[in-house]
C-alpha atoms as a PDB file:
ATOM      1  CA  UNK A   1     -21.351  17.513  -5.883  1.00  0.00           C
ATOM      2  CA  UNK A   2     -18.828  19.948  -4.369  1.00  0.00           C
ATOM      3  CA  UNK A   3     -15.512  21.388  -5.548  1.00  0.00           C
ATOM      4  CA  UNK A   4     -13.530  18.657  -3.778  1.00  0.00           C
ATOM      5  CA  UNK A   5     -15.548  15.699  -5.032  1.00  0.00           C
ATOM      6  CA  UNK A   6     -15.626  17.026  -8.624  1.00  0.00           C
ATOM      7  CA  UNK A   7     -11.865  16.544  -8.942  1.00  0.00           C
ATOM      8  CA  UNK A   8     -12.002  12.958  -7.672  1.00  0.00           C
ATOM      9  CA  UNK A   9     -15.041  12.083  -9.784  1.00  0.00           C
ATOM     10  CA  UNK A  10     -13.088  13.429 -12.746  1.00  0.00           C
ATOM     11  CA  UNK A  11     -10.292  10.952 -11.948  1.00  0.00           C
ATOM     12  CA  UNK A  12     -12.842   8.124 -11.793  1.00  0.00           C
ATOM     13  CA  UNK A  13     -14.195   9.056 -15.238  1.00  0.00           C
ATOM     14  CA  UNK A  14     -10.658   9.204 -16.680  1.00  0.00           C
ATOM     15  CA  UNK A  15      -9.837   5.802 -15.130  1.00  0.00           C
ATOM     16  CA  UNK A  16     -12.863   4.097 -16.658  1.00  0.00           C
ATOM     17  CA  UNK A  17     -12.310   5.784 -20.028  1.00  0.00           C
ATOM     18  CA  UNK A  18      -8.638   4.738 -20.144  1.00  0.00           C
ATOM     19  CA  UNK A  19      -9.413   1.123 -19.244  1.00  0.00           C
ATOM     20  CA  UNK A  20     -12.289   0.838 -21.735  1.00  0.00           C
ATOM     21  CA  UNK A  21     -10.184   2.448 -24.468  1.00  0.00           C
ATOM     22  CA  UNK A  22      -7.283   0.057 -23.797  1.00  0.00           C
ATOM     23  CA  UNK A  23      -9.466  -3.053 -23.936  1.00  0.00           C
ATOM     24  CA  UNK A  24     -11.365  -1.937 -27.047  1.00  0.00           C
ATOM     25  CA  UNK A  25      -8.248  -0.658 -28.822  1.00  0.00           C
ATOM     26  CA  UNK A  26      -6.291  -3.889 -28.335  1.00  0.00           C
ATOM     27  CA  UNK A  27      -9.085  -6.437 -27.966  1.00  0.00           C
ATOM     28  CA  UNK A  28      -6.939  -8.037 -25.271  1.00  0.00           C
ATOM     29  CA  UNK A  29      -9.097  -9.102 -22.325  1.00  0.00           C
ATOM     30  CA  UNK A  30      -6.039  -9.974 -20.298  1.00  0.00           C
ATOM     31  CA  UNK A  31      -5.728  -6.229 -19.837  1.00  0.00           C
ATOM     32  CA  UNK A  32      -8.377  -6.692 -17.151  1.00  0.00           C
ATOM     33  CA  UNK A  33      -6.230  -9.275 -15.356  1.00  0.00           C
ATOM     34  CA  UNK A  34      -3.334  -6.843 -15.381  1.00  0.00           C
ATOM     35  CA  UNK A  35      -5.660  -4.130 -14.061  1.00  0.00           C
ATOM     36  CA  UNK A  36      -6.741  -6.333 -11.137  1.00  0.00           C
ATOM     37  CA  UNK A  37      -3.137  -7.285 -10.424  1.00  0.00           C
ATOM     38  CA  UNK A  38      -1.960  -3.668 -10.468  1.00  0.00           C
ATOM     39  CA  UNK A  39      -4.909  -2.750  -8.212  1.00  0.00           C
ATOM     40  CA  UNK A  40      -3.782  -5.464  -5.800  1.00  0.00           C
ATOM     41  CA  UNK A  41      -0.256  -4.069  -5.890  1.00  0.00           C
ATOM     42  CA  UNK A  42      -1.685  -0.591  -5.283  1.00  0.00           C
ATOM     43  CA  UNK A  43      -3.690  -1.872  -2.309  1.00  0.00           C
ATOM     44  CA  UNK A  44      -0.537  -3.469  -0.900  1.00  0.00           C
ATOM     45  CA  UNK A  45       1.452  -0.229  -1.147  1.00  0.00           C
ATOM     46  CA  UNK A  46      -1.408   1.829   0.248  1.00  0.00           C
ATOM     47  CA  UNK A  47      -1.917  -0.612   3.122  1.00  0.00           C
ATOM     48  CA  UNK A  48       1.645   0.003   4.260  1.00  0.00           C
ATOM     49  CA  UNK A  49       2.186   3.720   3.674  1.00  0.00           C
ATOM     50  CA  UNK A  50      -1.352   5.109   4.025  1.00  0.00           C
ATOM     51  CA  UNK A  51      -3.141   2.826   6.494  1.00  0.00           C
ATOM     52  CA  UNK A  52      -0.291   1.695   8.745  1.00  0.00           C
ATOM     53  CA  UNK A  53       2.134   4.630   8.527  1.00  0.00           C
ATOM     54  CA  UNK A  54      -0.275   7.518   7.780  1.00  0.00           C
ATOM     55  CA  UNK A  55       1.840   9.214   5.130  1.00  0.00           C
ATOM     56  CA  UNK A  56      -0.875  11.485   3.685  1.00  0.00           C
ATOM     57  CA  UNK A  57      -4.600  12.231   3.720  1.00  0.00           C
ATOM     58  CA  UNK A  58      -7.191  12.799   1.027  1.00  0.00           C
ATOM     59  CA  UNK A  59     -10.132  15.158   1.292  1.00  0.00           C
ATOM     60  CA  UNK A  60     -12.566  14.308  -1.528  1.00  0.00           C
ATOM     61  CA  UNK A  61     -15.673  14.979   0.579  1.00  0.00           C
ATOM     62  CA  UNK A  62     -17.356  11.915  -0.886  1.00  0.00           C
ATOM     63  CA  UNK A  63     -18.221  10.543   2.581  1.00  0.00           C
ATOM     64  CA  UNK A  64     -19.060  13.541   4.732  1.00  0.00           C
ATOM     65  CA  UNK A  65     -20.009  11.762   7.961  1.00  0.00           C
ATOM     66  CA  UNK A  66     -16.558  10.248   8.626  1.00  0.00           C
ATOM     67  CA  UNK A  67     -13.233  11.935   7.879  1.00  0.00           C
ATOM     68  CA  UNK A  68     -11.132   8.772   7.815  1.00  0.00           C
ATOM     69  CA  UNK A  69     -13.510   6.886   5.539  1.00  0.00           C
ATOM     70  CA  UNK A  70     -13.576   9.938   3.272  1.00  0.00           C
ATOM     71  CA  UNK A  71      -9.777   9.921   3.101  1.00  0.00           C
ATOM     72  CA  UNK A  72      -9.889   6.197   2.302  1.00  0.00           C
ATOM     73  CA  UNK A  73     -12.305   6.898  -0.558  1.00  0.00           C
ATOM     74  CA  UNK A  74      -9.708   9.256  -2.014  1.00  0.00           C
ATOM     75  CA  UNK A  75      -7.038   6.583  -1.629  1.00  0.00           C
ATOM     76  CA  UNK A  76      -9.225   4.097  -3.507  1.00  0.00           C
ATOM     77  CA  UNK A  77      -9.692   6.551  -6.380  1.00  0.00           C
ATOM     78  CA  UNK A  78      -5.934   7.071  -6.553  1.00  0.00           C
ATOM     79  CA  UNK A  79      -4.473   3.618  -6.019  1.00  0.00           C
ATOM     80  CA  UNK A  80      -7.262   1.280  -7.132  1.00  0.00           C
ATOM     81  CA  UNK A  81      -8.567   3.268 -10.106  1.00  0.00           C
ATOM     82  CA  UNK A  82      -6.446   5.940 -11.787  1.00  0.00           C
ATOM     83  CA  UNK A  83      -2.946   4.510 -11.196  1.00  0.00           C
ATOM     84  CA  UNK A  84      -3.770   0.937 -12.344  1.00  0.00           C
ATOM     85  CA  UNK A  85      -5.690   2.298 -15.345  1.00  0.00           C
ATOM     86  CA  UNK A  86      -2.722   4.430 -16.450  1.00  0.00           C
ATOM     87  CA  UNK A  87      -0.337   1.520 -15.845  1.00  0.00           C
ATOM     88  CA  UNK A  88      -2.454  -0.830 -17.974  1.00  0.00           C
ATOM     89  CA  UNK A  89      -2.708   1.769 -20.739  1.00  0.00           C
ATOM     90  CA  UNK A  90       1.077   2.191 -20.843  1.00  0.00           C
ATOM     91  CA  UNK A  91       1.856  -1.533 -20.619  1.00  0.00           C
ATOM     92  CA  UNK A  92      -0.741  -3.008 -22.968  1.00  0.00           C
ATOM     93  CA  UNK A  93      -0.205  -0.383 -25.674  1.00  0.00           C
ATOM     94  CA  UNK A  94       3.537  -1.009 -25.251  1.00  0.00           C
ATOM     95  CA  UNK A  95       4.438   2.613 -24.645  1.00  0.00           C
ATOM     96  CA  UNK A  96       8.118   3.519 -24.489  1.00  0.00           C
ATOM     97  CA  UNK A  97       9.926   5.424 -21.764  1.00  0.00           C
ATOM     98  CA  UNK A  98       9.107   8.879 -23.148  1.00  0.00           C
ATOM     99  CA  UNK A  99       5.310   8.422 -22.683  1.00  0.00           C
ATOM    100  CA  UNK A 100       5.982   6.814 -19.308  1.00  0.00           C
ATOM    101  CA  UNK A 101       8.057   9.790 -18.146  1.00  0.00           C
ATOM    102  CA  UNK A 102       5.323  12.135 -19.392  1.00  0.00           C
ATOM    103  CA  UNK A 103       2.735  10.112 -17.443  1.00  0.00           C
ATOM    104  CA  UNK A 104       4.859  10.311 -14.292  1.00  0.00           C
ATOM    105  CA  UNK A 105       5.225  14.066 -14.745  1.00  0.00           C
ATOM    106  CA  UNK A 106       1.454  14.405 -15.265  1.00  0.00           C
ATOM    107  CA  UNK A 107       0.600  12.321 -12.174  1.00  0.00           C
ATOM    108  CA  UNK A 108       3.107  14.243 -10.063  1.00  0.00           C
ATOM    109  CA  UNK A 109       1.636  17.482 -11.390  1.00  0.00           C
ATOM    110  CA  UNK A 110      -1.869  16.407 -10.396  1.00  0.00           C
ATOM    111  CA  UNK A 111      -0.588  15.591  -6.906  1.00  0.00           C
ATOM    112  CA  UNK A 112       1.016  19.044  -6.646  1.00  0.00           C
ATOM    113  CA  UNK A 113      -2.224  20.667  -7.847  1.00  0.00           C
ATOM    114  CA  UNK A 114      -4.279  18.745  -5.275  1.00  0.00           C
ATOM    115  CA  UNK A 115      -1.890  19.911  -2.562  1.00  0.00           C
ATOM    116  CA  UNK A 116      -2.208  23.532  -3.684  1.00  0.00           C
ATOM    117  CA  UNK A 117      -6.013  23.569  -3.772  1.00  0.00           C
ATOM    118  CA  UNK A 118      -6.299  21.781  -0.416  1.00  0.00           C
ATOM    119  CA  UNK A 119      -7.966  18.497  -1.344  1.00  0.00           C
ATOM    120  CA  UNK A 120      -4.919  16.380  -0.436  1.00  0.00           C
ATOM    121  CA  UNK A 121      -2.350  16.715   2.359  1.00  0.00           C
ATOM    122  CA  UNK A 122       1.129  15.350   2.985  1.00  0.00           C
ATOM    123  CA  UNK A 123       2.266  14.292   6.455  1.00  0.00           C
ATOM    124  CA  UNK A 124       5.720  12.797   5.922  1.00  0.00           C
ATOM    125  CA  UNK A 125       5.236  11.963   2.224  1.00  0.00           C
ATOM    126  CA  UNK A 126       6.783  14.025  -0.604  1.00  0.00           C
ATOM    127  CA  UNK A 127       5.858  14.303  -4.289  1.00  0.00           C
ATOM    128  CA  UNK A 128       9.318  13.117  -5.287  1.00  0.00           C
ATOM    129  CA  UNK A 129       8.542   9.806  -3.529  1.00  0.00           C
ATOM    130  CA  UNK A 130       5.487   9.500  -5.775  1.00  0.00           C
ATOM    131  CA  UNK A 131       7.579  10.088  -8.902  1.00  0.00           C
ATOM    132  CA  UNK A 132      10.162   7.474  -7.868  1.00  0.00           C
ATOM    133  CA  UNK A 133       7.443   5.005  -6.933  1.00  0.00           C
ATOM    134  CA  UNK A 134       5.706   5.441 -10.287  1.00  0.00           C
ATOM    135  CA  UNK A 135       8.903   4.552 -12.151  1.00  0.00           C
ATOM    136  CA  UNK A 136       8.897   1.178 -10.367  1.00  0.00           C
ATOM    137  CA  UNK A 137       5.113   0.770 -10.610  1.00  0.00           C
ATOM    138  CA  UNK A 138       4.917   1.389 -14.366  1.00  0.00           C
ATOM    139  CA  UNK A 139       7.991  -0.769 -15.012  1.00  0.00           C
ATOM    140  CA  UNK A 140       6.312  -3.570 -13.011  1.00  0.00           C
ATOM    141  CA  UNK A 141       3.174  -3.247 -15.161  1.00  0.00           C
ATOM    142  CA  UNK A 142       5.192  -3.607 -18.411  1.00  0.00           C
ATOM    143  CA  UNK A 143       7.154  -6.575 -17.082  1.00  0.00           C
ATOM    144  CA  UNK A 144       4.085  -8.232 -15.573  1.00  0.00           C
ATOM    145  CA  UNK A 145       2.041  -7.871 -18.746  1.00  0.00           C
ATOM    146  CA  UNK A 146       4.735  -9.754 -20.627  1.00  0.00           C
ATOM    147  CA  UNK A 147       4.503 -12.562 -18.084  1.00  0.00           C
ATOM    148  CA  UNK A 148       0.720 -12.926 -18.049  1.00  0.00           C
ATOM    149  CA  UNK A 149       0.713 -13.122 -21.843  1.00  0.00           C
ATOM    150  CA  UNK A 150       2.160 -16.595 -21.309  1.00  0.00           C
ATOM    151  CA  UNK A 151       0.868 -19.455 -19.125  1.00  0.00           C
ATOM    152  CA  UNK A 152       1.946 -18.828 -15.535  1.00  0.00           C
ATOM    153  CA  UNK A 153       3.408 -21.473 -13.260  1.00  0.00           C
ATOM    154  CA  UNK A 154       4.948 -21.675  -9.808  1.00  0.00           C
ATOM    155  CA  UNK A 155       5.704 -18.568  -7.749  1.00  0.00           C
ATOM    156  CA  UNK A 156       4.781 -16.137 -10.564  1.00  0.00           C
ATOM    157  CA  UNK A 157       1.347 -17.728 -10.839  1.00  0.00           C
ATOM    158  CA  UNK A 158       0.775 -17.752  -7.066  1.00  0.00           C
ATOM    159  CA  UNK A 159       1.901 -14.133  -6.619  1.00  0.00           C
ATOM    160  CA  UNK A 160      -0.268 -12.909  -9.494  1.00  0.00           C
ATOM    161  CA  UNK A 161      -3.305 -14.792  -8.190  1.00  0.00           C
ATOM    162  CA  UNK A 162      -2.681 -13.503  -4.671  1.00  0.00           C
ATOM    163  CA  UNK A 163      -2.563  -9.853  -5.761  1.00  0.00           C
ATOM    164  CA  UNK A 164      -5.714 -10.272  -7.853  1.00  0.00           C
ATOM    165  CA  UNK A 165      -7.508 -11.893  -4.910  1.00  0.00           C
ATOM    166  CA  UNK A 166      -6.235  -9.072  -2.661  1.00  0.00           C
ATOM    167  CA  UNK A 167      -7.878  -6.608  -5.037  1.00  0.00           C
ATOM    168  CA  UNK A 168     -11.091  -8.654  -4.989  1.00  0.00           C
ATOM    169  CA  UNK A 169     -11.302  -9.064  -1.199  1.00  0.00           C
ATOM    170  CA  UNK A 170     -10.242  -5.540  -0.196  1.00  0.00           C
ATOM    171  CA  UNK A 171     -13.631  -4.010  -1.179  1.00  0.00           C
ATOM    172  CA  UNK A 172     -15.016  -5.874   1.860  1.00  0.00           C
ATOM    173  CA  UNK A 173     -14.199  -2.598   3.589  1.00  0.00           C
ATOM    174  CA  UNK A 174     -17.098  -1.045   1.671  1.00  0.00           C
ATOM    175  CA  UNK A 175     -19.499  -3.055   3.823  1.00  0.00           C
ATOM    176  CA  UNK A 176     -18.003  -1.404   6.887  1.00  0.00           C
ATOM    177  CA  UNK A 177     -18.041   2.071   5.344  1.00  0.00           C
ATOM    178  CA  UNK A 178     -21.407   2.073   3.577  1.00  0.00           C
ATOM    179  CA  UNK A 179     -23.506  -0.536   5.419  1.00  0.00           C
ATOM    180  CA  UNK A 180     -21.895  -0.296   8.877  1.00  0.00           C
ATOM    181  CA  UNK A 181     -22.196  -4.061   9.164  1.00  0.00           C
ATOM    182  CA  UNK A 182     -19.310  -4.637  11.574  1.00  0.00           C
ATOM    183  CA  UNK A 183     -16.572  -3.021  13.615  1.00  0.00           C
ATOM    184  CA  UNK A 184     -13.237  -4.341  14.869  1.00  0.00           C
ATOM    185  CA  UNK A 185     -12.169  -3.468  18.395  1.00  0.00           C
ATOM    186  CA  UNK A 186      -8.408  -3.879  18.200  1.00  0.00           C
ATOM    187  CA  UNK A 187      -7.315  -0.430  19.489  1.00  0.00           C
ATOM    188  CA  UNK A 188      -4.379  -0.147  17.111  1.00  0.00           C
ATOM    189  CA  UNK A 189      -5.146   3.519  16.449  1.00  0.00           C
ATOM    190  CA  UNK A 190      -6.938   6.324  18.268  1.00  0.00           C
ATOM    191  CA  UNK A 191      -9.726   6.461  15.680  1.00  0.00           C
ATOM    192  CA  UNK A 192     -12.257   3.600  15.497  1.00  0.00           C
ATOM    193  CA  UNK A 193     -12.686   4.002  11.735  1.00  0.00           C
ATOM    194  CA  UNK A 194      -8.924   3.715  11.273  1.00  0.00           C
ATOM    195  CA  UNK A 195      -8.983   0.547  13.388  1.00  0.00           C
ATOM    196  CA  UNK A 196     -11.784  -0.916  11.276  1.00  0.00           C
ATOM    197  CA  UNK A 197      -9.917  -0.402   8.020  1.00  0.00           C
ATOM    198  CA  UNK A 198      -6.507  -1.445   9.355  1.00  0.00           C
ATOM    199  CA  UNK A 199      -7.839  -4.728  10.737  1.00  0.00           C
ATOM    200  CA  UNK A 200     -10.112  -5.373   7.751  1.00  0.00           C
ATOM    201  CA  UNK A 201      -7.152  -4.887   5.400  1.00  0.00           C
ATOM    202  CA  UNK A 202      -4.962  -7.201   7.489  1.00  0.00           C
ATOM    203  CA  UNK A 203      -7.774  -9.752   7.473  1.00  0.00           C
ATOM    204  CA  UNK A 204      -7.979  -9.510   3.671  1.00  0.00           C
ATOM    205  CA  UNK A 205      -4.252 -10.207   3.399  1.00  0.00           C
ATOM    206  CA  UNK A 206      -4.749 -13.429   5.372  1.00  0.00           C
ATOM    207  CA  UNK A 207      -7.827 -14.413   3.341  1.00  0.00           C
ATOM    208  CA  UNK A 208      -5.998 -13.776   0.071  1.00  0.00           C
ATOM    209  CA  UNK A 209      -3.184 -16.096   1.172  1.00  0.00           C
ATOM    210  CA  UNK A 210      -5.665 -18.806   2.196  1.00  0.00           C
ATOM    211  CA  UNK A 211      -7.672 -18.435  -1.021  1.00  0.00           C
ATOM    212  CA  UNK A 212      -4.526 -18.540  -3.157  1.00  0.00           C
ATOM    213  CA  UNK A 213      -3.405 -21.742  -1.455  1.00  0.00           C
ATOM    214  CA  UNK A 214      -6.844 -23.315  -1.938  1.00  0.00           C
ATOM    215  CA  UNK A 215      -7.226 -22.374  -5.591  1.00  0.00           C
ATOM    216  CA  UNK A 216      -3.749 -23.672  -6.409  1.00  0.00           C
ATOM    217  CA  UNK A 217      -4.835 -27.144  -5.274  1.00  0.00           C
ATOM    218  CA  UNK A 218      -5.382 -29.735  -8.002  1.00  0.00           C
ATOM    219  CA  UNK A 219      -8.840 -31.295  -7.722  1.00  0.00           C
ATOM    220  CA  UNK A 220     -11.664 -32.052 -10.133  1.00  0.00           C
ATOM    221  CA  UNK A 221     -14.252 -30.948  -7.565  1.00  0.00           C
ATOM    222  CA  UNK A 222     -13.479 -27.254  -7.691  1.00  0.00           C
ATOM    223  CA  UNK A 223     -16.734 -26.293  -5.982  1.00  0.00           C
ATOM    224  CA  UNK A 224     -15.506 -28.002  -2.798  1.00  0.00           C
ATOM    225  CA  UNK A 225     -12.689 -25.429  -2.582  1.00  0.00           C
ATOM    226  CA  UNK A 226     -15.228 -22.599  -2.665  1.00  0.00           C
ATOM    227  CA  UNK A 227     -17.188 -24.219   0.160  1.00  0.00           C
ATOM    228  CA  UNK A 228     -14.063 -24.862   2.265  1.00  0.00           C
ATOM    229  CA  UNK A 229     -12.872 -21.280   1.794  1.00  0.00           C
ATOM    230  CA  UNK A 230     -16.264 -19.800   2.693  1.00  0.00           C
ATOM    231  CA  UNK A 231     -16.590 -21.993   5.782  1.00  0.00           C
ATOM    232  CA  UNK A 232     -13.055 -21.007   6.844  1.00  0.00           C
ATOM    233  CA  UNK A 233     -14.077 -17.325   6.720  1.00  0.00           C
ATOM    234  CA  UNK A 234     -17.169 -18.045   8.836  1.00  0.00           C
ATOM    235  CA  UNK A 235     -15.094 -19.923  11.417  1.00  0.00           C
ATOM    236  CA  UNK A 236     -12.555 -17.086  11.637  1.00  0.00           C
ATOM    237  CA  UNK A 237     -15.399 -14.566  11.983  1.00  0.00           C
ATOM    238  CA  UNK A 238     -16.987 -16.579  14.783  1.00  0.00           C
ATOM    239  CA  UNK A 239     -13.658 -16.820  16.617  1.00  0.00           C
ATOM    240  CA  UNK A 240     -13.152 -13.067  16.279  1.00  0.00           C
ATOM    241  CA  UNK A 241     -16.706 -12.498  17.534  1.00  0.00           C
ATOM    242  CA  UNK A 242     -16.178 -14.810  20.521  1.00  0.00           C
ATOM    243  CA  UNK A 243     -12.901 -13.047  21.395  1.00  0.00           C
ATOM    244  CA  UNK A 244     -14.566  -9.631  21.340  1.00  0.00           C
ATOM    245  CA  UNK A 245     -12.566  -8.324  18.373  1.00  0.00           C
ATOM    246  CA  UNK A 246     -15.470  -8.457  15.925  1.00  0.00           C
ATOM    247  CA  UNK A 247     -18.787  -6.751  16.645  1.00  0.00           C
ATOM    248  CA  UNK A 248     -21.271  -7.794  13.957  1.00  0.00           C
ATOM    249  CA  UNK A 249     -24.434  -5.700  13.541  1.00  0.00           C
ATOM    250  CA  UNK A 250     -26.734  -8.556  12.537  1.00  0.00           C
ATOM    251  CA  UNK A 251     -27.270 -11.857  10.730  1.00  0.00           C
ATOM    252  CA  UNK A 252     -27.149 -10.098   7.363  1.00  0.00           C
ATOM    253  CA  UNK A 253     -23.483  -9.258   7.958  1.00  0.00           C
ATOM    254  CA  UNK A 254     -22.641 -12.980   7.983  1.00  0.00           C
ATOM    255  CA  UNK A 255     -24.948 -13.609   5.029  1.00  0.00           C
ATOM    256  CA  UNK A 256     -23.138 -10.876   3.108  1.00  0.00           C
ATOM    257  CA  UNK A 257     -19.798 -12.490   3.910  1.00  0.00           C
ATOM    258  CA  UNK A 258     -20.949 -15.946   2.787  1.00  0.00           C
ATOM    259  CA  UNK A 259     -22.225 -14.687  -0.558  1.00  0.00           C
ATOM    260  CA  UNK A 260     -19.284 -12.373  -1.324  1.00  0.00           C
ATOM    261  CA  UNK A 261     -16.604 -14.854  -0.239  1.00  0.00           C
ATOM    262  CA  UNK A 262     -18.139 -17.696  -2.273  1.00  0.00           C
ATOM    263  CA  UNK A 263     -18.362 -15.429  -5.340  1.00  0.00           C
ATOM    264  CA  UNK A 264     -14.782 -14.238  -4.793  1.00  0.00           C
ATOM    265  CA  UNK A 265     -13.525 -17.818  -4.770  1.00  0.00           C
ATOM    266  CA  UNK A 266     -15.593 -18.777  -7.817  1.00  0.00           C
ATOM    267  CA  UNK A 267     -14.480 -15.762  -9.850  1.00  0.00           C
ATOM    268  CA  UNK A 268     -10.928 -16.126  -8.530  1.00  0.00           C
ATOM    269  CA  UNK A 269     -10.833 -19.701  -9.799  1.00  0.00           C
ATOM    270  CA  UNK A 270     -12.005 -18.608 -13.240  1.00  0.00           C
ATOM    271  CA  UNK A 271      -9.106 -16.147 -13.288  1.00  0.00           C
ATOM    272  CA  UNK A 272      -6.806 -18.854 -11.941  1.00  0.00           C
ATOM    273  CA  UNK A 273      -7.609 -21.064 -14.947  1.00  0.00           C
ATOM    274  CA  UNK A 274      -6.988 -18.163 -17.339  1.00  0.00           C
ATOM    275  CA  UNK A 275      -3.598 -17.506 -15.780  1.00  0.00           C
ATOM    276  CA  UNK A 276      -2.619 -21.152 -16.134  1.00  0.00           C
ATOM    277  CA  UNK A 277      -3.787 -21.528 -19.725  1.00  0.00           C
ATOM    278  CA  UNK A 278      -2.391 -18.336 -21.253  1.00  0.00           C
ATOM    279  CA  UNK A 279      -4.079 -16.122 -23.865  1.00  0.00           C
ATOM    280  CA  UNK A 280      -5.422 -17.037 -27.274  1.00  0.00           C
ATOM    281  CA  UNK A 281      -2.637 -17.499 -29.908  1.00  0.00           C
ATOM    282  CA  UNK A 282      -3.396 -14.211 -31.722  1.00  0.00           C
ATOM    283  CA  UNK A 283      -2.438 -12.264 -28.549  1.00  0.00           C
ATOM    284  CA  UNK A 284       0.959 -13.916 -28.107  1.00  0.00           C
ATOM    285  CA  UNK A 285       2.589 -12.231 -31.066  1.00  0.00           C
END
């Protein structure tokens, strides 16, 4: 562990502690659904401002062999761990605007500290943008929690499921970062690692839309949807391989995709049923 990584590992510990405390304190397991949804929202925001428009860079020194992947690791800690955990804590414990403002001030203060000690860098981003964004983000968490405490239907159900699936498919990038199972030759950016993550994230957006559409279908043979979705991913992969966009490093890369995509669809459908049915009566008060 080094000075840089210690700060980010500290944020990971705080994230886990906050989420565990919230679930145990309230006994409300739908807190986890809100956490996944807020993670999906965080991924969406980060995809636009961090991956596509390069607004800032992290320097956690968790992945020393690749600077871009290391910066992405910092982004994951921020937008997939600490921010959703704080949002769930504030929403599920029904905190008022004073605690929310204090949380925004604390998060903005941490950002300023990270800038000062050199483990985070702004390009065109500013801390005031973070503060404004957190107002919207935390308000969304409070509003959204109220919605998922009731059975969801229509567009609200589809959007919630999509964001949760986005959070569940986005970690596919970890295979690229840690296992080096594939690369994408799209030449969108000067750096190959940046290309890999940008295309992988775009791919996950498409998969999340397809999976949401599939899981919203009404059929008694739910397992057939998991098979269709997994086969669709394989077909897309093969087309990308044939076109020269995808360079797979071996058969195990495809095997990994089959297993993880099938599990994503299966778990996503379990969540889908929970969203449709609503919580137990004692949580609706």
